[in-house]
């Protein structure tokens, strides 16, 4: 039987504190340990920390970059994809992924969460956005208790499809 490649997106803020960076790094490690491919926006913050964790475990990392230069990618991105389309690259990050793990984040992360949910791509959240619709809590972001829990949930949802 042929192995199926699994692409897990990691999204989050481009500027983070040490605690968030540690969580993202551990998520990256767990993705690599599971043999999945990490997809991200290729820049700093959560993206860089997750790529570092995956790289430290020998994992494959893809960075879908907003600008025109491969050199803009963080040093842990193994496959830089240059788009030249700015924040519109968020769609490509999400659509390349079979599940997305959102860690912390600002409005760019929120757009990626929205794109994923609209496309029926599972979103697992670690200390990230909470949503509500018309005053009612929206539970479409699946909450995780830590890095391992987030990756386990992502993998289970991908394997269920």
N, C-alpha and C. Protein backbone atom coordinates (compact mmCIF):
# COMPACT_ATOMS: atom_id res chain seq x y z
N UNK A 1 0.85 -1.18 0.00
CA UNK A 1 0.00 0.00 0.00
C UNK A 1 0.89 1.24 0.00
N UNK A 2 0.54 2.21 -0.80
CA UNK A 2 1.31 3.44 -0.93
C UNK A 2 1.07 4.37 0.26
N UNK A 3 2.16 4.94 0.78
CA UNK A 3 2.03 5.89 1.88
C UNK A 3 1.36 7.16 1.39
N UNK A 4 0.49 7.71 2.20
CA UNK A 4 -0.20 8.95 1.87
C UNK A 4 0.52 10.11 2.56
N UNK A 5 0.88 11.13 1.78
CA UNK A 5 1.50 12.31 2.36
C UNK A 5 0.45 13.10 3.13
N UNK A 6 0.83 13.59 4.29
CA UNK A 6 -0.08 14.40 5.10
C UNK A 6 0.55 15.78 5.29
N UNK A 7 -0.23 16.82 4.99
CA UNK A 7 0.20 18.21 5.08
C UNK A 7 -0.56 18.88 6.22
N UNK A 8 0.16 19.29 7.26
CA UNK A 8 -0.44 19.99 8.39
C UNK A 8 0.03 21.44 8.38
N UNK A 9 -0.92 22.35 8.34
CA UNK A 9 -0.60 23.77 8.38
C UNK A 9 -0.42 24.25 9.81
N UNK A 10 0.53 25.16 9.99
CA UNK A 10 0.70 25.81 11.29
C UNK A 10 0.61 27.31 11.03
N UNK A 11 -0.34 27.95 11.70
CA UNK A 11 -0.56 29.38 11.51
C UNK A 11 -0.48 30.08 12.86
N UNK A 12 -0.10 31.35 12.82
CA UNK A 12 0.00 32.11 14.06
C UNK A 12 0.75 33.40 13.83
N UNK A 13 0.95 34.13 14.88
CA UNK A 13 1.55 35.45 14.81
C UNK A 13 2.98 35.47 14.32
N UNK A 14 3.34 36.55 13.65
CA UNK A 14 4.71 36.70 13.15
C UNK A 14 5.64 37.26 14.24
N UNK A 15 5.06 37.76 15.32
CA UNK A 15 5.83 38.21 16.47
C UNK A 15 5.22 37.55 17.70
N UNK A 16 6.05 36.77 18.42
CA UNK A 16 5.53 36.02 19.56
C UNK A 16 6.48 36.09 20.75
N UNK A 17 5.93 35.81 21.91
CA UNK A 17 6.77 35.74 23.10
C UNK A 17 7.39 34.34 23.20
N UNK A 18 8.28 34.14 24.15
CA UNK A 18 9.00 32.88 24.30
C UNK A 18 8.07 31.70 24.56
N UNK A 19 7.02 31.92 25.34
CA UNK A 19 6.08 30.84 25.66
C UNK A 19 5.38 30.34 24.40
N UNK A 20 4.89 31.26 23.57
CA UNK A 20 4.22 30.88 22.32
C UNK A 20 5.20 30.21 21.37
N UNK A 21 6.42 30.74 21.29
CA UNK A 21 7.45 30.14 20.43
C UNK A 21 7.74 28.70 20.86
N UNK A 22 7.80 28.45 22.16
CA UNK A 22 8.05 27.09 22.65
C UNK A 22 6.92 26.14 22.27
N UNK A 23 5.69 26.61 22.37
CA UNK A 23 4.54 25.79 21.98
C UNK A 23 4.62 25.47 20.49
N UNK A 24 4.89 26.49 19.68
CA UNK A 24 4.97 26.29 18.22
C UNK A 24 6.10 25.33 17.86
N UNK A 25 7.23 25.47 18.54
CA UNK A 25 8.36 24.58 18.27
C UNK A 25 7.99 23.13 18.58
N UNK A 26 7.30 22.92 19.68
CA UNK A 26 6.88 21.57 20.04
C UNK A 26 5.85 21.02 19.04
N UNK A 27 4.96 21.87 18.55
CA UNK A 27 4.02 21.45 17.51
C UNK A 27 4.79 20.98 16.28
N UNK A 28 5.79 21.75 15.88
CA UNK A 28 6.61 21.36 14.73
C UNK A 28 7.30 20.02 14.94
N UNK A 29 7.83 19.81 16.14
CA UNK A 29 8.48 18.53 16.45
C UNK A 29 7.50 17.38 16.32
N UNK A 30 6.31 17.57 16.88
CA UNK A 30 5.29 16.51 16.85
C UNK A 30 4.86 16.21 15.40
N UNK A 31 4.72 17.24 14.59
CA UNK A 31 4.35 17.02 13.18
C UNK A 31 5.41 16.17 12.50
N UNK A 32 6.67 16.49 12.72
CA UNK A 32 7.75 15.72 12.11
C UNK A 32 7.78 14.28 12.64
N UNK A 33 7.57 14.11 13.93
CA UNK A 33 7.58 12.77 14.52
C UNK A 33 6.49 11.89 13.91
N UNK A 34 5.39 12.51 13.53
CA UNK A 34 4.28 11.76 12.93
C UNK A 34 4.50 11.52 11.43
N UNK A 35 5.58 12.09 10.89
CA UNK A 35 5.87 11.89 9.47
C UNK A 35 5.08 12.78 8.54
N UNK A 36 4.43 13.81 9.09
CA UNK A 36 3.66 14.74 8.27
C UNK A 36 4.56 15.88 7.78
N UNK A 37 4.09 16.61 6.80
CA UNK A 37 4.80 17.75 6.23
C UNK A 37 4.19 19.01 6.82
N UNK A 38 5.05 19.91 7.31
CA UNK A 38 4.60 21.16 7.90
C UNK A 38 4.49 22.23 6.82
N UNK A 39 3.34 22.88 6.76
CA UNK A 39 3.09 23.98 5.82
C UNK A 39 2.84 25.24 6.63
N UNK A 40 3.48 26.35 6.23
CA UNK A 40 3.26 27.61 6.93
C UNK A 40 3.53 28.77 5.99
N UNK A 41 3.43 29.97 6.51
CA UNK A 41 3.69 31.17 5.74
C UNK A 41 5.16 31.49 5.55
N UNK A 42 6.03 30.70 6.17
CA UNK A 42 7.46 30.78 5.91
C UNK A 42 8.23 31.91 6.54
N UNK A 43 7.58 32.74 7.34
CA UNK A 43 8.24 33.90 7.91
C UNK A 43 8.63 33.64 9.37
N UNK A 44 8.55 34.66 10.24
CA UNK A 44 9.00 34.56 11.62
C UNK A 44 7.91 34.14 12.59
N UNK A 45 8.19 34.32 13.87
CA UNK A 45 7.23 34.04 14.93
C UNK A 45 6.85 32.58 15.02
N UNK A 46 5.54 32.31 15.06
CA UNK A 46 5.03 30.94 15.14
C UNK A 46 5.56 30.10 13.98
N UNK A 47 5.61 30.70 12.79
CA UNK A 47 6.05 29.96 11.60
C UNK A 47 7.49 29.49 11.75
N UNK A 48 8.36 30.37 12.17
CA UNK A 48 9.77 30.02 12.33
C UNK A 48 9.97 28.99 13.44
N UNK A 49 9.29 29.20 14.56
CA UNK A 49 9.44 28.27 15.68
C UNK A 49 8.95 26.88 15.30
N UNK A 50 7.82 26.79 14.63
CA UNK A 50 7.30 25.49 14.20
C UNK A 50 8.25 24.82 13.22
N UNK A 51 8.77 25.59 12.27
CA UNK A 51 9.73 25.04 11.30
C UNK A 51 11.00 24.56 12.00
N UNK A 52 11.45 25.30 13.01
CA UNK A 52 12.64 24.89 13.76
C UNK A 52 12.40 23.54 14.42
N UNK A 53 11.26 23.41 15.09
CA UNK A 53 10.93 22.15 15.75
C UNK A 53 10.89 20.99 14.77
N UNK A 54 10.23 21.20 13.64
CA UNK A 54 10.15 20.14 12.62
C UNK A 54 11.53 19.82 12.06
N UNK A 55 12.32 20.83 11.78
CA UNK A 55 13.67 20.62 11.24
C UNK A 55 14.55 19.86 12.22
N UNK A 56 14.43 20.20 13.51
CA UNK A 56 15.22 19.53 14.55
C UNK A 56 14.93 18.02 14.59
N UNK A 57 13.72 17.65 14.16
CA UNK A 57 13.32 16.23 14.14
C UNK A 57 13.47 15.62 12.74
N UNK A 58 14.09 16.36 11.82
CA UNK A 58 14.30 15.84 10.46
C UNK A 58 13.09 15.93 9.56
N UNK A 59 12.12 16.76 9.93
CA UNK A 59 10.88 16.88 9.16
C UNK A 59 11.02 17.80 7.96
N UNK A 60 10.04 17.73 7.10
CA UNK A 60 9.98 18.55 5.90
C UNK A 60 9.10 19.77 6.15
N UNK A 61 9.60 20.95 5.79
CA UNK A 61 8.86 22.19 6.00
C UNK A 61 8.69 22.93 4.68
N UNK A 62 7.49 23.43 4.46
CA UNK A 62 7.16 24.23 3.28
C UNK A 62 6.74 25.61 3.76
N UNK A 63 7.34 26.64 3.18
CA UNK A 63 6.97 28.02 3.50
C UNK A 63 6.39 28.68 2.27
N UNK A 64 5.14 29.09 2.35
CA UNK A 64 4.48 29.78 1.24
C UNK A 64 4.61 31.27 1.53
N UNK A 65 5.51 31.91 0.82
CA UNK A 65 5.96 33.26 1.13
C UNK A 65 5.11 34.34 0.47
N UNK A 66 4.93 35.47 1.18
CA UNK A 66 4.12 36.56 0.64
C UNK A 66 4.84 37.37 -0.44
N UNK A 67 6.16 37.41 -0.40
CA UNK A 67 6.92 38.30 -1.26
C UNK A 67 7.50 37.64 -2.49
N UNK A 68 8.58 38.26 -2.98
CA UNK A 68 9.18 37.87 -4.24
C UNK A 68 10.52 37.17 -4.11
N UNK A 69 10.95 36.84 -2.89
CA UNK A 69 12.29 36.30 -2.71
C UNK A 69 12.29 35.07 -1.80
N UNK A 70 12.95 34.03 -2.24
CA UNK A 70 13.13 32.84 -1.41
C UNK A 70 13.95 33.17 -0.16
N UNK A 71 14.81 34.16 -0.28
CA UNK A 71 15.69 34.53 0.83
C UNK A 71 14.91 35.09 2.03
N UNK A 72 13.67 35.47 1.83
CA UNK A 72 12.85 36.00 2.92
C UNK A 72 12.36 34.90 3.87
N UNK A 73 12.45 33.66 3.44
CA UNK A 73 11.98 32.54 4.27
C UNK A 73 12.84 32.42 5.52
N UNK A 74 12.23 31.95 6.59
CA UNK A 74 13.03 31.68 7.77
C UNK A 74 14.00 30.53 7.46
N UNK A 75 15.08 30.45 8.22
CA UNK A 75 16.16 29.51 7.89
C UNK A 75 15.78 28.05 8.02
N UNK A 76 14.62 27.75 8.58
CA UNK A 76 14.20 26.36 8.75
C UNK A 76 13.24 25.88 7.67
N UNK A 77 12.88 26.75 6.75
CA UNK A 77 12.02 26.35 5.63
C UNK A 77 12.88 25.59 4.62
N UNK A 78 12.48 24.36 4.33
CA UNK A 78 13.24 23.56 3.37
C UNK A 78 12.75 23.79 1.94
N UNK A 79 11.45 24.03 1.78
CA UNK A 79 10.90 24.30 0.45
C UNK A 79 10.19 25.65 0.49
N UNK A 80 10.87 26.70 0.02
CA UNK A 80 10.23 28.02 -0.04
C UNK A 80 9.44 28.16 -1.34
N UNK A 81 8.21 28.61 -1.22
CA UNK A 81 7.37 28.86 -2.40
C UNK A 81 7.10 30.35 -2.45
N UNK A 82 7.61 30.99 -3.48
CA UNK A 82 7.49 32.44 -3.66
C UNK A 82 6.18 32.73 -4.38
N UNK A 83 5.39 33.66 -3.81
CA UNK A 83 4.10 33.97 -4.43
C UNK A 83 3.99 35.39 -4.95
N UNK A 84 4.63 36.35 -4.27
CA UNK A 84 4.50 37.75 -4.66
C UNK A 84 3.10 38.30 -4.50
N UNK A 85 2.27 37.66 -3.68
CA UNK A 85 0.87 38.10 -3.56
C UNK A 85 0.50 38.59 -2.15
N UNK A 86 1.49 38.85 -1.32
CA UNK A 86 1.21 39.39 0.00
C UNK A 86 0.35 38.47 0.84
N UNK A 87 -0.57 39.07 1.61
CA UNK A 87 -1.42 38.29 2.51
C UNK A 87 -2.35 37.34 1.79
N UNK A 88 -2.56 37.53 0.51
CA UNK A 88 -3.40 36.60 -0.25
C UNK A 88 -2.81 35.19 -0.21
N UNK A 89 -1.52 35.09 0.11
CA UNK A 89 -0.88 33.77 0.22
C UNK A 89 -1.48 32.95 1.35
N UNK A 90 -2.22 33.60 2.27
CA UNK A 90 -2.86 32.88 3.36
C UNK A 90 -3.80 31.79 2.84
N UNK A 91 -4.44 32.08 1.71
CA UNK A 91 -5.34 31.09 1.11
C UNK A 91 -4.53 29.86 0.70
N UNK A 92 -3.37 30.07 0.09
CA UNK A 92 -2.54 28.94 -0.36
C UNK A 92 -2.02 28.13 0.82
N UNK A 93 -1.67 28.80 1.91
CA UNK A 93 -1.21 28.08 3.11
C UNK A 93 -2.31 27.13 3.57
N UNK A 94 -3.51 27.64 3.68
CA UNK A 94 -4.64 26.85 4.18
C UNK A 94 -5.03 25.75 3.20
N UNK A 95 -5.16 26.09 1.93
CA UNK A 95 -5.64 25.12 0.94
C UNK A 95 -4.62 24.00 0.68
N UNK A 96 -3.34 24.24 0.99
CA UNK A 96 -2.32 23.21 0.86
C UNK A 96 -2.41 22.22 2.01
N UNK A 97 -3.01 22.64 3.11
CA UNK A 97 -3.07 21.85 4.34
C UNK A 97 -4.32 20.99 4.39
N UNK A 98 -4.19 19.84 5.04
CA UNK A 98 -5.35 18.96 5.26
C UNK A 98 -5.98 19.20 6.63
N UNK A 99 -5.23 19.82 7.50
CA UNK A 99 -5.70 20.30 8.80
C UNK A 99 -4.77 21.46 9.17
N UNK A 100 -5.29 22.37 9.98
CA UNK A 100 -4.54 23.56 10.36
C UNK A 100 -4.50 23.67 11.88
N UNK A 101 -3.31 23.95 12.41
CA UNK A 101 -3.17 24.21 13.84
C UNK A 101 -2.89 25.69 14.01
N UNK A 102 -3.81 26.38 14.68
CA UNK A 102 -3.67 27.82 14.93
C UNK A 102 -3.11 28.03 16.33
N UNK A 103 -2.00 28.77 16.39
CA UNK A 103 -1.34 29.05 17.67
C UNK A 103 -1.28 30.56 17.83
N UNK A 104 -1.95 31.06 18.90
CA UNK A 104 -1.91 32.50 19.16
C UNK A 104 -2.41 33.23 17.91
N UNK A 105 -1.80 34.33 17.54
CA UNK A 105 -2.10 34.97 16.26
C UNK A 105 -2.89 36.26 16.36
N UNK A 106 -2.85 36.98 15.26
CA UNK A 106 -3.55 38.24 15.12
C UNK A 106 -4.55 38.11 13.97
N UNK A 107 -4.81 39.21 13.28
CA UNK A 107 -5.84 39.21 12.24
C UNK A 107 -5.49 38.36 11.03
N UNK A 108 -4.20 38.24 10.70
CA UNK A 108 -3.81 37.36 9.60
C UNK A 108 -4.17 35.91 9.92
N UNK A 109 -3.94 35.52 11.17
CA UNK A 109 -4.31 34.18 11.63
C UNK A 109 -5.82 34.00 11.57
N UNK A 110 -6.54 35.03 11.95
CA UNK A 110 -8.00 34.96 11.89
C UNK A 110 -8.49 34.74 10.46
N UNK A 111 -7.86 35.41 9.48
CA UNK A 111 -8.29 35.19 8.09
C UNK A 111 -8.02 33.75 7.68
N UNK A 112 -6.87 33.22 8.09
CA UNK A 112 -6.56 31.83 7.74
C UNK A 112 -7.55 30.86 8.39
N UNK A 113 -7.93 31.12 9.62
CA UNK A 113 -8.95 30.30 10.28
C UNK A 113 -10.24 30.35 9.48
N UNK A 114 -10.64 31.55 9.06
CA UNK A 114 -11.86 31.70 8.27
C UNK A 114 -11.79 30.95 6.95
N UNK A 115 -10.67 31.06 6.25
CA UNK A 115 -10.51 30.33 4.98
C UNK A 115 -10.61 28.83 5.21
N UNK A 116 -9.96 28.35 6.26
CA UNK A 116 -9.97 26.91 6.54
C UNK A 116 -11.38 26.43 6.86
N UNK A 117 -12.07 27.13 7.74
CA UNK A 117 -13.42 26.70 8.12
C UNK A 117 -14.36 26.75 6.92
N UNK A 118 -14.23 27.77 6.09
CA UNK A 118 -15.07 27.86 4.89
C UNK A 118 -14.82 26.69 3.94
N UNK A 119 -13.56 26.23 3.88
CA UNK A 119 -13.17 25.13 2.99
C UNK A 119 -13.35 23.76 3.65
N UNK A 120 -13.90 23.74 4.86
CA UNK A 120 -14.12 22.50 5.61
C UNK A 120 -12.80 21.78 5.94
N UNK A 121 -11.75 22.58 6.16
CA UNK A 121 -10.46 22.06 6.60
C UNK A 121 -10.44 22.22 8.12
N UNK A 122 -10.21 21.13 8.85
CA UNK A 122 -10.26 21.22 10.32
C UNK A 122 -9.24 22.21 10.88
N UNK A 123 -9.68 22.94 11.90
CA UNK A 123 -8.81 23.90 12.59
C UNK A 123 -8.71 23.47 14.05
N UNK A 124 -7.48 23.26 14.50
CA UNK A 124 -7.22 22.94 15.89
C UNK A 124 -6.58 24.17 16.51
N UNK A 125 -7.09 24.62 17.64
CA UNK A 125 -6.62 25.86 18.25
C UNK A 125 -5.86 25.66 19.54
N UNK A 126 -4.73 26.37 19.63
CA UNK A 126 -3.93 26.44 20.86
C UNK A 126 -3.80 27.92 21.23
N UNK A 127 -4.48 28.34 22.28
CA UNK A 127 -4.40 29.73 22.73
C UNK A 127 -4.61 30.71 21.59
N UNK A 128 -5.66 30.49 20.81
CA UNK A 128 -5.93 31.34 19.65
C UNK A 128 -7.35 31.88 19.73
N UNK A 129 -7.82 32.37 18.64
CA UNK A 129 -9.13 33.00 18.54
C UNK A 129 -10.26 32.10 19.01
N UNK A 130 -11.29 32.73 19.57
CA UNK A 130 -12.56 32.08 19.88
C UNK A 130 -13.62 32.82 19.07
N UNK A 131 -14.54 32.09 18.51
CA UNK A 131 -15.53 32.70 17.62
C UNK A 131 -16.93 32.59 18.20
N UNK A 132 -17.77 33.53 17.79
CA UNK A 132 -19.19 33.44 18.12
C UNK A 132 -19.98 33.99 16.93
N UNK A 133 -21.19 33.49 16.79
CA UNK A 133 -22.09 33.94 15.73
C UNK A 133 -23.40 34.33 16.39
N UNK A 134 -23.81 35.58 16.19
CA UNK A 134 -25.06 36.08 16.74
C UNK A 134 -25.17 35.80 18.24
N UNK A 135 -24.06 36.01 18.95
CA UNK A 135 -24.04 35.83 20.39
C UNK A 135 -23.91 34.39 20.85
N UNK A 136 -23.87 33.45 19.91
CA UNK A 136 -23.74 32.04 20.26
C UNK A 136 -22.32 31.57 19.99
N UNK A 137 -21.76 30.82 20.93
CA UNK A 137 -20.40 30.31 20.78
C UNK A 137 -20.32 29.40 19.55
N UNK A 138 -19.30 29.62 18.73
CA UNK A 138 -19.03 28.77 17.56
C UNK A 138 -17.94 27.79 17.98
N UNK A 139 -18.20 26.51 17.85
CA UNK A 139 -17.25 25.48 18.31
C UNK A 139 -16.49 24.83 17.16
N UNK A 140 -16.41 25.48 16.03
CA UNK A 140 -15.72 24.89 14.88
C UNK A 140 -14.21 24.84 15.04
N UNK A 141 -13.63 25.69 15.89
CA UNK A 141 -12.20 25.57 16.20
C UNK A 141 -12.09 24.53 17.32
N UNK A 142 -11.42 23.44 17.02
CA UNK A 142 -11.28 22.34 17.96
C UNK A 142 -10.15 22.69 18.93
N UNK A 143 -10.46 22.78 20.19
CA UNK A 143 -9.48 23.19 21.19
C UNK A 143 -8.54 22.04 21.55
N UNK A 144 -7.27 22.37 21.72
CA UNK A 144 -6.28 21.40 22.13
C UNK A 144 -5.65 21.84 23.45
N UNK A 145 -5.17 20.88 24.21
CA UNK A 145 -4.59 21.17 25.53
C UNK A 145 -3.09 21.35 25.49
N UNK A 146 -2.48 21.07 24.36
CA UNK A 146 -1.03 21.22 24.23
C UNK A 146 -0.60 20.80 22.84
N UNK A 147 0.70 20.85 22.60
CA UNK A 147 1.23 20.57 21.27
C UNK A 147 0.91 19.15 20.80
N UNK A 148 1.18 18.17 21.63
CA UNK A 148 0.93 16.77 21.25
C UNK A 148 -0.55 16.55 20.99
N UNK A 149 -1.39 17.07 21.85
CA UNK A 149 -2.84 16.94 21.69
C UNK A 149 -3.29 17.57 20.36
N UNK A 150 -2.75 18.74 20.03
CA UNK A 150 -3.12 19.42 18.79
C UNK A 150 -2.74 18.58 17.57
N UNK A 151 -1.53 18.07 17.55
CA UNK A 151 -1.07 17.27 16.41
C UNK A 151 -1.82 15.95 16.34
N UNK A 152 -2.05 15.32 17.48
CA UNK A 152 -2.83 14.07 17.48
C UNK A 152 -4.23 14.30 16.91
N UNK A 153 -4.86 15.40 17.30
CA UNK A 153 -6.20 15.70 16.78
C UNK A 153 -6.15 15.99 15.29
N UNK A 154 -5.16 16.74 14.85
CA UNK A 154 -5.03 17.03 13.42
C UNK A 154 -4.84 15.75 12.62
N UNK A 155 -3.96 14.89 13.08
CA UNK A 155 -3.68 13.64 12.37
C UNK A 155 -4.92 12.74 12.32
N UNK A 156 -5.63 12.66 13.43
CA UNK A 156 -6.84 11.83 13.47
C UNK A 156 -7.89 12.35 12.48
N UNK A 157 -8.03 13.65 12.38
CA UNK A 157 -9.02 14.23 11.47
C UNK A 157 -8.61 14.03 10.01
N UNK A 158 -7.33 14.12 9.72
CA UNK A 158 -6.86 13.89 8.35
C UNK A 158 -7.05 12.42 7.98
N UNK A 159 -6.70 11.53 8.89
CA UNK A 159 -6.80 10.10 8.61
C UNK A 159 -8.25 9.61 8.52
N UNK A 160 -9.17 10.38 9.09
CA UNK A 160 -10.60 10.05 9.05
C UNK A 160 -11.21 10.31 7.68
N UNK A 161 -10.58 11.22 6.92
CA UNK A 161 -11.13 11.59 5.61
C UNK A 161 -10.93 10.50 4.60
